[in-house]
All heavy atoms as atom14 arrays in JSON, in Angstrom:
{
  "sequence": "DMLDVEQVVFGGPLWSRLERTFLRVVPPLVQSGAVAREIHPVEV",
  "atom14_mask": [
    [1, 1, 1, 1, 1, 1, 1, 1, 0, 0, 0, 0, 0, 0],
    [1, 1, 1, 1, 1, 1, 1, 1, 0, 0, 0, 0, 0, 0],
    [1, 1, 1, 1, 1, 1, 1, 1, 0, 0, 0, 0, 0, 0],
    [1, 1, 1, 1, 1, 1, 1, 1, 0, 0, 0, 0, 0, 0],
    [1, 1, 1, 1, 1, 1, 1, 0, 0, 0, 0, 0, 0, 0],
    [1, 1, 1, 1, 1, 1, 1, 1, 1, 0, 0, 0, 0, 0],
    [1, 1, 1, 1, 1, 1, 1, 1, 1, 0, 0, 0, 0, 0],
    [1, 1, 1, 1, 1, 1, 1, 0, 0, 0, 0, 0, 0, 0],
    [1, 1, 1, 1, 1, 1, 1, 0, 0, 0, 0, 0, 0, 0],
    [1, 1, 1, 1, 1, 1, 1, 1, 1, 1, 1, 0, 0, 0],
    [1, 1, 1, 1, 0, 0, 0, 0, 0, 0, 0, 0, 0, 0],
    [1, 1, 1, 1, 0, 0, 0, 0, 0, 0, 0, 0, 0, 0],
    [1, 1, 1, 1, 1, 1, 1, 0, 0, 0, 0, 0, 0, 0],
    [1, 1, 1, 1, 1, 1, 1, 1, 0, 0, 0, 0, 0, 0],
    [1, 1, 1, 1, 1, 1, 1, 1, 1, 1, 1, 1, 1, 1],
    [1, 1, 1, 1, 1, 1, 0, 0, 0, 0, 0, 0, 0, 0],
    [1, 1, 1, 1, 1, 1, 1, 1, 1, 1, 1, 0, 0, 0],
    [1, 1, 1, 1, 1, 1, 1, 1, 0, 0, 0, 0, 0, 0],
    [1, 1, 1, 1, 1, 1, 1, 1, 1, 0, 0, 0, 0, 0],
    [1, 1, 1, 1, 1, 1, 1, 1, 1, 1, 1, 0, 0, 0],
    [1, 1, 1, 1, 1, 1, 1, 0, 0, 0, 0, 0, 0, 0],
    [1, 1, 1, 1, 1, 1, 1, 1, 1, 1, 1, 0, 0, 0],
    [1, 1, 1, 1, 1, 1, 1, 1, 0, 0, 0, 0, 0, 0],
    [1, 1, 1, 1, 1, 1, 1, 1, 1, 1, 1, 0, 0, 0],
    [1, 1, 1, 1, 1, 1, 1, 0, 0, 0, 0, 0, 0, 0],
    [1, 1, 1, 1, 1, 1, 1, 0, 0, 0, 0, 0, 0, 0],
    [1, 1, 1, 1, 1, 1, 1, 0, 0, 0, 0, 0, 0, 0],
    [1, 1, 1, 1, 1, 1, 1, 0, 0, 0, 0, 0, 0, 0],
    [1, 1, 1, 1, 1, 1, 1, 1, 0, 0, 0, 0, 0, 0],
    [1, 1, 1, 1, 1, 1, 1, 0, 0, 0, 0, 0, 0, 0],
    [1, 1, 1, 1, 1, 1, 1, 1, 1, 0, 0, 0, 0, 0],
    [1, 1, 1, 1, 1, 1, 0, 0, 0, 0, 0, 0, 0, 0],
    [1, 1, 1, 1, 0, 0, 0, 0, 0, 0, 0, 0, 0, 0],
    [1, 1, 1, 1, 1, 0, 0, 0, 0, 0, 0, 0, 0, 0],
    [1, 1, 1, 1, 1, 1, 1, 0, 0, 0, 0, 0, 0, 0],
    [1, 1, 1, 1, 1, 0, 0, 0, 0, 0, 0, 0, 0, 0],
    [1, 1, 1, 1, 1, 1, 1, 1, 1, 1, 1, 0, 0, 0],
    [1, 1, 1, 1, 1, 1, 1, 1, 1, 0, 0, 0, 0, 0],
    [1, 1, 1, 1, 1, 1, 1, 1, 0, 0, 0, 0, 0, 0],
    [1, 1, 1, 1, 1, 1, 1, 1, 1, 1, 0, 0, 0, 0],
    [1, 1, 1, 1, 1, 1, 1, 0, 0, 0, 0, 0, 0, 0],
    [1, 1, 1, 1, 1, 1, 1, 0, 0, 0, 0, 0, 0, 0],
    [1, 1, 1, 1, 1, 1, 1, 1, 1, 0, 0, 0, 0, 0],
    [1, 1, 1, 1, 1, 1, 1, 0, 0, 0, 0, 0, 0, 0]
  ],
  "atom14_positions": [
    [[37.24, -17.94, 18.61], [38.19, -17.0, 19.35], [38.49, -17.55, 20.71], [39.65, -17.49, 21.19], [37.54, -15.64, 19.45], [37.58, -14.84, 18.11], [38.28, -15.32, 17.2], [36.84, -13.85, 18.05], [0.0, 0.0, 0.0], [0.0, 0.0, 0.0], [0.0, 0.0, 0.0], [0.0, 0.0, 0.0], [0.0, 0.0, 0.0], [0.0, 0.0, 0.0]],
    [[37.49, -18.15, 21.37], [37.74, -18.65, 22.73], [38.65, -19.83, 22.79], [39.47, -19.96, 23.64], [36.33, -19.02, 23.39], [36.44, -19.53, 24.8], [34.86, -20.11, 25.43], [33.89, -18.65, 25.27], [0.0, 0.0, 0.0], [0.0, 0.0, 0.0], [0.0, 0.0, 0.0], [0.0, 0.0, 0.0], [0.0, 0.0, 0.0], [0.0, 0.0, 0.0]],
    [[38.44, -20.77, 21.81], [39.17, -22.02, 21.81], [40.33, -22.08, 20.82], [41.09, -22.99, 20.83], [38.15, -23.18, 21.54], [37.0, -23.29, 22.53], [35.96, -24.27, 21.99], [37.5, -23.66, 23.89], [0.0, 0.0, 0.0], [0.0, 0.0, 0.0], [0.0, 0.0, 0.0], [0.0, 0.0, 0.0], [0.0, 0.0, 0.0], [0.0, 0.0, 0.0]],
    [[40.38, -21.09, 19.92], [41.47, -21.06, 18.92], [41.44, -22.33, 18.03], [42.48, -22.95, 17.92], [42.81, -20.85, 19.52], [43.86, -20.44, 18.54], [43.5, -19.97, 17.42], [45.06, -20.64, 18.83], [0.0, 0.0, 0.0], [0.0, 0.0, 0.0], [0.0, 0.0, 0.0], [0.0, 0.0, 0.0], [0.0, 0.0, 0.0], [0.0, 0.0, 0.0]],
    [[40.3, -22.65, 17.44], [40.16, -23.83, 16.64], [40.36, -23.47, 15.14], [40.24, -22.33, 14.77], [38.85, -24.56, 16.88], [38.73, -24.93, 18.33], [37.66, -23.7, 16.48], [0.0, 0.0, 0.0], [0.0, 0.0, 0.0], [0.0, 0.0, 0.0], [0.0, 0.0, 0.0], [0.0, 0.0, 0.0], [0.0, 0.0, 0.0], [0.0, 0.0, 0.0]],
    [[40.53, -24.62, 14.36], [40.82, -24.37, 12.92], [39.61, -24.73, 12.04], [39.66, -24.37, 10.87], [42.0, -25.33, 12.49], [43.21, -25.1, 13.31], [43.79, -26.38, 13.89], [43.02, -27.31, 14.22], [45.04, -26.52, 13.96], [0.0, 0.0, 0.0], [0.0, 0.0, 0.0], [0.0, 0.0, 0.0], [0.0, 0.0, 0.0], [0.0, 0.0, 0.0]],
    [[38.58, -25.32, 12.63], [37.41, -25.71, 11.83], [36.08, -25.43, 12.57], [36.06, -25.6, 13.78], [37.48, -27.22, 11.49], [38.6, -27.66, 10.59], [38.48, -29.14, 10.24], [37.43, -29.63, 9.7], [39.5, -29.96, 10.47], [0.0, 0.0, 0.0], [0.0, 0.0, 0.0], [0.0, 0.0, 0.0], [0.0, 0.0, 0.0], [0.0, 0.0, 0.0]],
    [[35.11, -25.09, 11.77], [33.75, -25.04, 12.25], [32.97, -25.98, 11.32], [32.96, -25.83, 10.13], [33.15, -23.61, 12.16], [31.62, -23.61, 12.5], [33.89, -22.66, 13.08], [0.0, 0.0, 0.0], [0.0, 0.0, 0.0], [0.0, 0.0, 0.0], [0.0, 0.0, 0.0], [0.0, 0.0, 0.0], [0.0, 0.0, 0.0], [0.0, 0.0, 0.0]],
    [[32.25, -26.98, 11.95], [31.55, -28.0, 11.19], [30.07, -27.94, 11.63], [29.78, -27.89, 12.77], [32.17, -29.39, 11.47], [31.45, -30.45, 10.63], [33.66, -29.37, 11.22], [0.0, 0.0, 0.0], [0.0, 0.0, 0.0], [0.0, 0.0, 0.0], [0.0, 0.0, 0.0], [0.0, 0.0, 0.0], [0.0, 0.0, 0.0], [0.0, 0.0, 0.0]],
    [[29.2, -28.01, 10.64], [27.77, -28.05, 10.88], [27.21, -29.43, 10.5], [27.65, -30.07, 9.5], [27.03, -27.0, 10.11], [27.27, -25.6, 10.55], [28.25, -24.8, 9.94], [26.61, -25.1, 11.67], [28.5, -23.48, 10.4], [26.86, -23.8, 12.13], [27.82, -22.96, 11.47], [0.0, 0.0, 0.0], [0.0, 0.0, 0.0], [0.0, 0.0, 0.0]],
    [[26.21, -29.93, 11.27], [25.57, -31.19, 10.99], [24.29, -31.31, 11.76], [23.92, -30.42, 12.55], [0.0, 0.0, 0.0], [0.0, 0.0, 0.0], [0.0, 0.0, 0.0], [0.0, 0.0, 0.0], [0.0, 0.0, 0.0], [0.0, 0.0, 0.0], [0.0, 0.0, 0.0], [0.0, 0.0, 0.0], [0.0, 0.0, 0.0], [0.0, 0.0, 0.0]],
    [[23.68, -32.47, 11.69], [22.44, -32.79, 12.43], [21.22, -32.77, 11.53], [21.33, -32.52, 10.31], [0.0, 0.0, 0.0], [0.0, 0.0, 0.0], [0.0, 0.0, 0.0], [0.0, 0.0, 0.0], [0.0, 0.0, 0.0], [0.0, 0.0, 0.0], [0.0, 0.0, 0.0], [0.0, 0.0, 0.0], [0.0, 0.0, 0.0], [0.0, 0.0, 0.0]],
    [[20.07, -33.12, 12.06], [18.87, -33.31, 11.26], [18.43, -32.11, 10.4], [17.83, -32.32, 9.36], [17.84, -33.65, 12.32], [18.56, -34.18, 13.48], [19.88, -33.44, 13.49], [0.0, 0.0, 0.0], [0.0, 0.0, 0.0], [0.0, 0.0, 0.0], [0.0, 0.0, 0.0], [0.0, 0.0, 0.0], [0.0, 0.0, 0.0], [0.0, 0.0, 0.0]],
    [[18.73, -30.9, 10.89], [18.27, -29.75, 10.13], [19.29, -29.26, 9.14], [18.98, -28.33, 8.32], [18.01, -28.58, 11.1], [16.99, -28.79, 12.24], [16.75, -27.46, 12.91], [15.64, -29.31, 11.67], [0.0, 0.0, 0.0], [0.0, 0.0, 0.0], [0.0, 0.0, 0.0], [0.0, 0.0, 0.0], [0.0, 0.0, 0.0], [0.0, 0.0, 0.0]],
    [[20.47, -29.83, 9.13], [21.55, -29.3, 8.33], [21.25, -29.26, 6.81], [21.48, -28.3, 6.11], [22.88, -30.02, 8.57], [24.0, -29.65, 7.64], [24.7, -30.44, 6.8], [24.5, -28.27, 7.51], [25.65, -29.7, 6.14], [25.56, -28.39, 6.53], [24.21, -27.05, 8.07], [26.27, -27.32, 6.11], [24.97, -25.91, 7.64], [25.93, -26.06, 6.69]],
    [[20.65, -30.36, 6.31], [20.46, -30.43, 4.84], [19.52, -29.25, 4.38], [19.67, -28.82, 3.24], [19.87, -31.74, 4.51], [18.59, -31.94, 5.04], [0.0, 0.0, 0.0], [0.0, 0.0, 0.0], [0.0, 0.0, 0.0], [0.0, 0.0, 0.0], [0.0, 0.0, 0.0], [0.0, 0.0, 0.0], [0.0, 0.0, 0.0], [0.0, 0.0, 0.0]],
    [[18.6, -28.82, 5.26], [17.7, -27.71, 4.89], [18.41, -26.34, 4.96], [18.09, -25.47, 4.21], [16.55, -27.67, 5.83], [15.71, -29.01, 5.9], [14.97, -29.22, 4.66], [14.1, -30.4, 4.74], [13.47, -31.01, 3.73], [13.6, -30.42, 2.53], [12.72, -32.06, 3.88], [0.0, 0.0, 0.0], [0.0, 0.0, 0.0], [0.0, 0.0, 0.0]],
    [[19.39, -26.25, 5.82], [20.02, -24.96, 6.05], [21.31, -24.76, 5.32], [21.91, -23.69, 5.23], [20.26, -24.76, 7.55], [19.07, -24.76, 8.46], [19.49, -24.81, 9.92], [18.21, -23.51, 8.15], [0.0, 0.0, 0.0], [0.0, 0.0, 0.0], [0.0, 0.0, 0.0], [0.0, 0.0, 0.0], [0.0, 0.0, 0.0], [0.0, 0.0, 0.0]],
    [[21.8, -25.88, 4.7], [23.17, -25.93, 4.15], [23.44, -24.86, 3.16], [24.47, -24.13, 3.2], [23.39, -27.32, 3.54], [24.8, -27.48, 2.99], [25.03, -28.89, 2.44], [24.0, -29.69, 2.43], [26.13, -29.24, 2.06], [0.0, 0.0, 0.0], [0.0, 0.0, 0.0], [0.0, 0.0, 0.0], [0.0, 0.0, 0.0], [0.0, 0.0, 0.0]],
    [[22.53, -24.64, 2.16], [22.8, -23.69, 1.14], [23.01, -22.32, 1.63], [23.97, -21.6, 1.34], [21.69, -23.77, 0.09], [21.93, -22.85, -1.08], [20.86, -22.93, -2.14], [20.78, -24.29, -2.71], [19.95, -24.63, -3.69], [19.08, -23.75, -4.19], [19.91, -25.93, -4.15], [0.0, 0.0, 0.0], [0.0, 0.0, 0.0], [0.0, 0.0, 0.0]],
    [[22.1, -21.89, 2.49], [22.22, -20.52, 3.1], [23.46, -20.4, 3.99], [24.17, -19.41, 3.9], [20.94, -20.15, 3.88], [19.84, -20.19, 2.99], [21.03, -18.76, 4.48], [0.0, 0.0, 0.0], [0.0, 0.0, 0.0], [0.0, 0.0, 0.0], [0.0, 0.0, 0.0], [0.0, 0.0, 0.0], [0.0, 0.0, 0.0], [0.0, 0.0, 0.0]],
    [[23.64, -21.38, 4.84], [24.74, -21.28, 5.84], [26.1, -21.22, 5.12], [26.94, -20.44, 5.52], [24.7, -22.46, 6.8], [23.85, -22.18, 8.01], [22.58, -21.6, 7.86], [24.21, -22.62, 9.27], [21.8, -21.33, 8.99], [23.44, -22.38, 10.38], [22.21, -21.74, 10.23], [0.0, 0.0, 0.0], [0.0, 0.0, 0.0], [0.0, 0.0, 0.0]],
    [[26.27, -22.05, 4.14], [27.63, -22.15, 3.5], [27.88, -20.86, 2.6], [29.0, -20.61, 2.25], [27.75, -23.39, 2.66], [27.87, -24.66, 3.47], [28.11, -25.86, 2.54], [28.95, -24.59, 4.54], [0.0, 0.0, 0.0], [0.0, 0.0, 0.0], [0.0, 0.0, 0.0], [0.0, 0.0, 0.0], [0.0, 0.0, 0.0], [0.0, 0.0, 0.0]],
    [[26.86, -20.11, 2.36], [27.04, -18.86, 1.65], [27.3, -17.7, 2.63], [28.12, -16.83, 2.4], [25.77, -18.52, 0.81], [25.78, -17.14, 0.18], [24.62, -16.95, -0.83], [23.31, -17.3, -0.27], [22.61, -16.46, 0.47], [23.05, -15.23, 0.66], [21.43, -16.81, 0.92], [0.0, 0.0, 0.0], [0.0, 0.0, 0.0], [0.0, 0.0, 0.0]],
    [[26.61, -17.7, 3.81], [26.73, -16.6, 4.71], [27.74, -16.78, 5.8], [28.47, -15.83, 6.14], [25.29, -16.44, 5.36], [25.34, -15.28, 6.46], [24.24, -16.04, 4.34], [0.0, 0.0, 0.0], [0.0, 0.0, 0.0], [0.0, 0.0, 0.0], [0.0, 0.0, 0.0], [0.0, 0.0, 0.0], [0.0, 0.0, 0.0], [0.0, 0.0, 0.0]],
    [[27.84, -17.96, 6.34], [28.66, -18.15, 7.57], [30.18, -18.05, 7.34], [30.92, -17.35, 8.04], [28.31, -19.49, 8.3], [29.22, -19.66, 9.47], [26.85, -19.47, 8.72], [0.0, 0.0, 0.0], [0.0, 0.0, 0.0], [0.0, 0.0, 0.0], [0.0, 0.0, 0.0], [0.0, 0.0, 0.0], [0.0, 0.0, 0.0], [0.0, 0.0, 0.0]],
    [[30.76, -18.77, 6.32], [32.21, -18.74, 6.17], [32.83, -17.37, 6.11], [33.81, -17.12, 6.81], [32.45, -19.63, 4.88], [31.24, -20.52, 4.8], [30.11, -19.68, 5.32], [0.0, 0.0, 0.0], [0.0, 0.0, 0.0], [0.0, 0.0, 0.0], [0.0, 0.0, 0.0], [0.0, 0.0, 0.0], [0.0, 0.0, 0.0], [0.0, 0.0, 0.0]],
    [[32.37, -16.44, 5.28], [33.08, -15.15, 5.23], [32.98, -14.38, 6.52], [33.92, -13.69, 6.88], [32.33, -14.39, 4.08], [31.06, -15.12, 3.87], [31.31, -16.55, 4.19], [0.0, 0.0, 0.0], [0.0, 0.0, 0.0], [0.0, 0.0, 0.0], [0.0, 0.0, 0.0], [0.0, 0.0, 0.0], [0.0, 0.0, 0.0], [0.0, 0.0, 0.0]],
    [[31.88, -14.54, 7.3], [31.73, -13.85, 8.53], [32.68, -14.39, 9.56], [33.34, -13.66, 10.33], [30.31, -13.94, 9.03], [29.22, -13.2, 8.23], [27.85, -13.46, 8.75], [29.49, -11.67, 8.23], [0.0, 0.0, 0.0], [0.0, 0.0, 0.0], [0.0, 0.0, 0.0], [0.0, 0.0, 0.0], [0.0, 0.0, 0.0], [0.0, 0.0, 0.0]],
    [[32.82, -15.71, 9.65], [33.74, -16.34, 10.58], [35.18, -16.05, 10.22], [36.03, -15.66, 11.04], [33.48, -17.83, 10.69], [34.56, -18.53, 11.54], [32.11, -18.12, 11.27], [0.0, 0.0, 0.0], [0.0, 0.0, 0.0], [0.0, 0.0, 0.0], [0.0, 0.0, 0.0], [0.0, 0.0, 0.0], [0.0, 0.0, 0.0], [0.0, 0.0, 0.0]],
    [[35.5, -16.19, 8.96], [36.85, -16.01, 8.51], [37.3, -14.61, 8.63], [38.51, -14.35, 8.82], [37.02, -16.55, 7.08], [36.88, -18.06, 7.0], [36.48, -18.56, 5.63], [36.28, -17.78, 4.72], [36.34, -19.89, 5.5], [0.0, 0.0, 0.0], [0.0, 0.0, 0.0], [0.0, 0.0, 0.0], [0.0, 0.0, 0.0], [0.0, 0.0, 0.0]],
    [[36.45, -13.64, 8.52], [36.85, -12.21, 8.62], [36.84, -11.76, 10.06], [37.47, -10.76, 10.41], [35.96, -11.34, 7.73], [34.61, -11.36, 8.24], [0.0, 0.0, 0.0], [0.0, 0.0, 0.0], [0.0, 0.0, 0.0], [0.0, 0.0, 0.0], [0.0, 0.0, 0.0], [0.0, 0.0, 0.0], [0.0, 0.0, 0.0], [0.0, 0.0, 0.0]],
    [[36.06, -12.49, 10.92], [35.86, -12.01, 12.29], [36.82, -12.68, 13.28], [36.95, -12.17, 14.39], [0.0, 0.0, 0.0], [0.0, 0.0, 0.0], [0.0, 0.0, 0.0], [0.0, 0.0, 0.0], [0.0, 0.0, 0.0], [0.0, 0.0, 0.0], [0.0, 0.0, 0.0], [0.0, 0.0, 0.0], [0.0, 0.0, 0.0], [0.0, 0.0, 0.0]],
    [[37.43, -13.77, 12.91], [38.26, -14.54, 13.9], [39.53, -13.72, 14.23], [40.17, -13.18, 13.35], [38.65, -15.88, 13.29], [0.0, 0.0, 0.0], [0.0, 0.0, 0.0], [0.0, 0.0, 0.0], [0.0, 0.0, 0.0], [0.0, 0.0, 0.0], [0.0, 0.0, 0.0], [0.0, 0.0, 0.0], [0.0, 0.0, 0.0], [0.0, 0.0, 0.0]],
    [[39.81, -13.7, 15.51], [40.97, -12.85, 16.0], [42.26, -13.4, 15.39], [43.18, -12.61, 15.05], [41.0, -12.91, 17.53], [42.34, -12.34, 18.01], [39.8, -12.16, 18.09], [0.0, 0.0, 0.0], [0.0, 0.0, 0.0], [0.0, 0.0, 0.0], [0.0, 0.0, 0.0], [0.0, 0.0, 0.0], [0.0, 0.0, 0.0], [0.0, 0.0, 0.0]],
    [[42.41, -14.75, 15.3], [43.63, -15.31, 14.84], [43.7, -15.56, 13.29], [44.52, -16.36, 12.8], [43.89, -16.65, 15.51], [0.0, 0.0, 0.0], [0.0, 0.0, 0.0], [0.0, 0.0, 0.0], [0.0, 0.0, 0.0], [0.0, 0.0, 0.0], [0.0, 0.0, 0.0], [0.0, 0.0, 0.0], [0.0, 0.0, 0.0], [0.0, 0.0, 0.0]],
    [[42.87, -14.85, 12.59], [42.75, -15.1, 11.11], [44.09, -14.84, 10.37], [44.29, -15.45, 9.34], [41.62, -14.23, 10.49], [41.86, -12.79, 10.63], [40.61, -11.96, 10.18], [40.79, -10.55, 10.35], [40.55, -9.9, 11.45], [40.1, -10.55, 12.52], [40.71, -8.59, 11.56], [0.0, 0.0, 0.0], [0.0, 0.0, 0.0], [0.0, 0.0, 0.0]],
    [[44.89, -14.03, 10.89], [46.19, -13.7, 10.22], [47.21, -14.81, 10.51], [48.28, -14.84, 9.87], [46.72, -12.38, 10.63], [45.83, -11.2, 10.29], [45.62, -10.99, 8.82], [46.56, -11.42, 8.07], [44.61, -10.47, 8.41], [0.0, 0.0, 0.0], [0.0, 0.0, 0.0], [0.0, 0.0, 0.0], [0.0, 0.0, 0.0], [0.0, 0.0, 0.0]],
    [[46.9, -15.65, 11.5], [47.85, -16.72, 11.9], [47.5, -18.05, 11.29], [48.35, -18.8, 10.85], [47.9, -16.82, 13.48], [48.3, -15.42, 13.99], [48.9, -17.87, 13.87], [48.17, -15.33, 15.52], [0.0, 0.0, 0.0], [0.0, 0.0, 0.0], [0.0, 0.0, 0.0], [0.0, 0.0, 0.0], [0.0, 0.0, 0.0], [0.0, 0.0, 0.0]],
    [[46.22, -18.36, 11.3], [45.77, -19.61, 10.66], [44.42, -19.46, 10.09], [43.58, -18.72, 10.62], [45.88, -20.8, 11.66], [44.8, -20.66, 12.79], [43.5, -20.96, 12.63], [45.01, -20.3, 14.08], [42.86, -20.78, 13.8], [43.7, -20.39, 14.69], [0.0, 0.0, 0.0], [0.0, 0.0, 0.0], [0.0, 0.0, 0.0], [0.0, 0.0, 0.0]],
    [[44.06, -20.15, 9.0], [42.76, -20.04, 8.4], [41.71, -20.84, 9.27], [42.08, -21.68, 10.07], [42.92, -20.72, 7.06], [44.03, -21.68, 7.22], [44.93, -20.99, 8.21], [0.0, 0.0, 0.0], [0.0, 0.0, 0.0], [0.0, 0.0, 0.0], [0.0, 0.0, 0.0], [0.0, 0.0, 0.0], [0.0, 0.0, 0.0], [0.0, 0.0, 0.0]],
    [[40.5, -20.48, 9.1], [39.4, -21.24, 9.72], [38.48, -21.78, 8.65], [37.87, -21.05, 7.86], [38.57, -20.31, 10.66], [37.46, -21.11, 11.33], [39.49, -19.76, 11.78], [0.0, 0.0, 0.0], [0.0, 0.0, 0.0], [0.0, 0.0, 0.0], [0.0, 0.0, 0.0], [0.0, 0.0, 0.0], [0.0, 0.0, 0.0], [0.0, 0.0, 0.0]],
    [[38.38, -23.11, 8.57], [37.54, -23.74, 7.63], [36.13, -23.87, 8.14], [35.91, -24.28, 9.3], [38.09, -25.15, 7.29], [37.25, -25.89, 6.25], [37.7, -27.34, 6.04], [38.51, -27.86, 6.85], [37.2, -27.97, 5.06], [0.0, 0.0, 0.0], [0.0, 0.0, 0.0], [0.0, 0.0, 0.0], [0.0, 0.0, 0.0], [0.0, 0.0, 0.0]],
    [[35.1, -23.56, 7.33], [33.76, -23.74, 7.69], [33.11, -24.7, 6.7], [33.13, -24.43, 5.48], [32.97, -22.42, 7.73], [31.51, -22.63, 8.12], [33.67, -21.4, 8.68], [0.0, 0.0, 0.0], [0.0, 0.0, 0.0], [0.0, 0.0, 0.0], [0.0, 0.0, 0.0], [0.0, 0.0, 0.0], [0.0, 0.0, 0.0], [0.0, 0.0, 0.0]]
  ]
}
């Protein structure tokens, strides 16, 4: 919301352990909560 970006990307040493949970939980929360969601999609 602050920067009006189109993508959220996760990575780093812990990512492989968290990937399954994050990709299930995070995308719908970000995509439904973003202020500009009706103007452009946000990929996670």
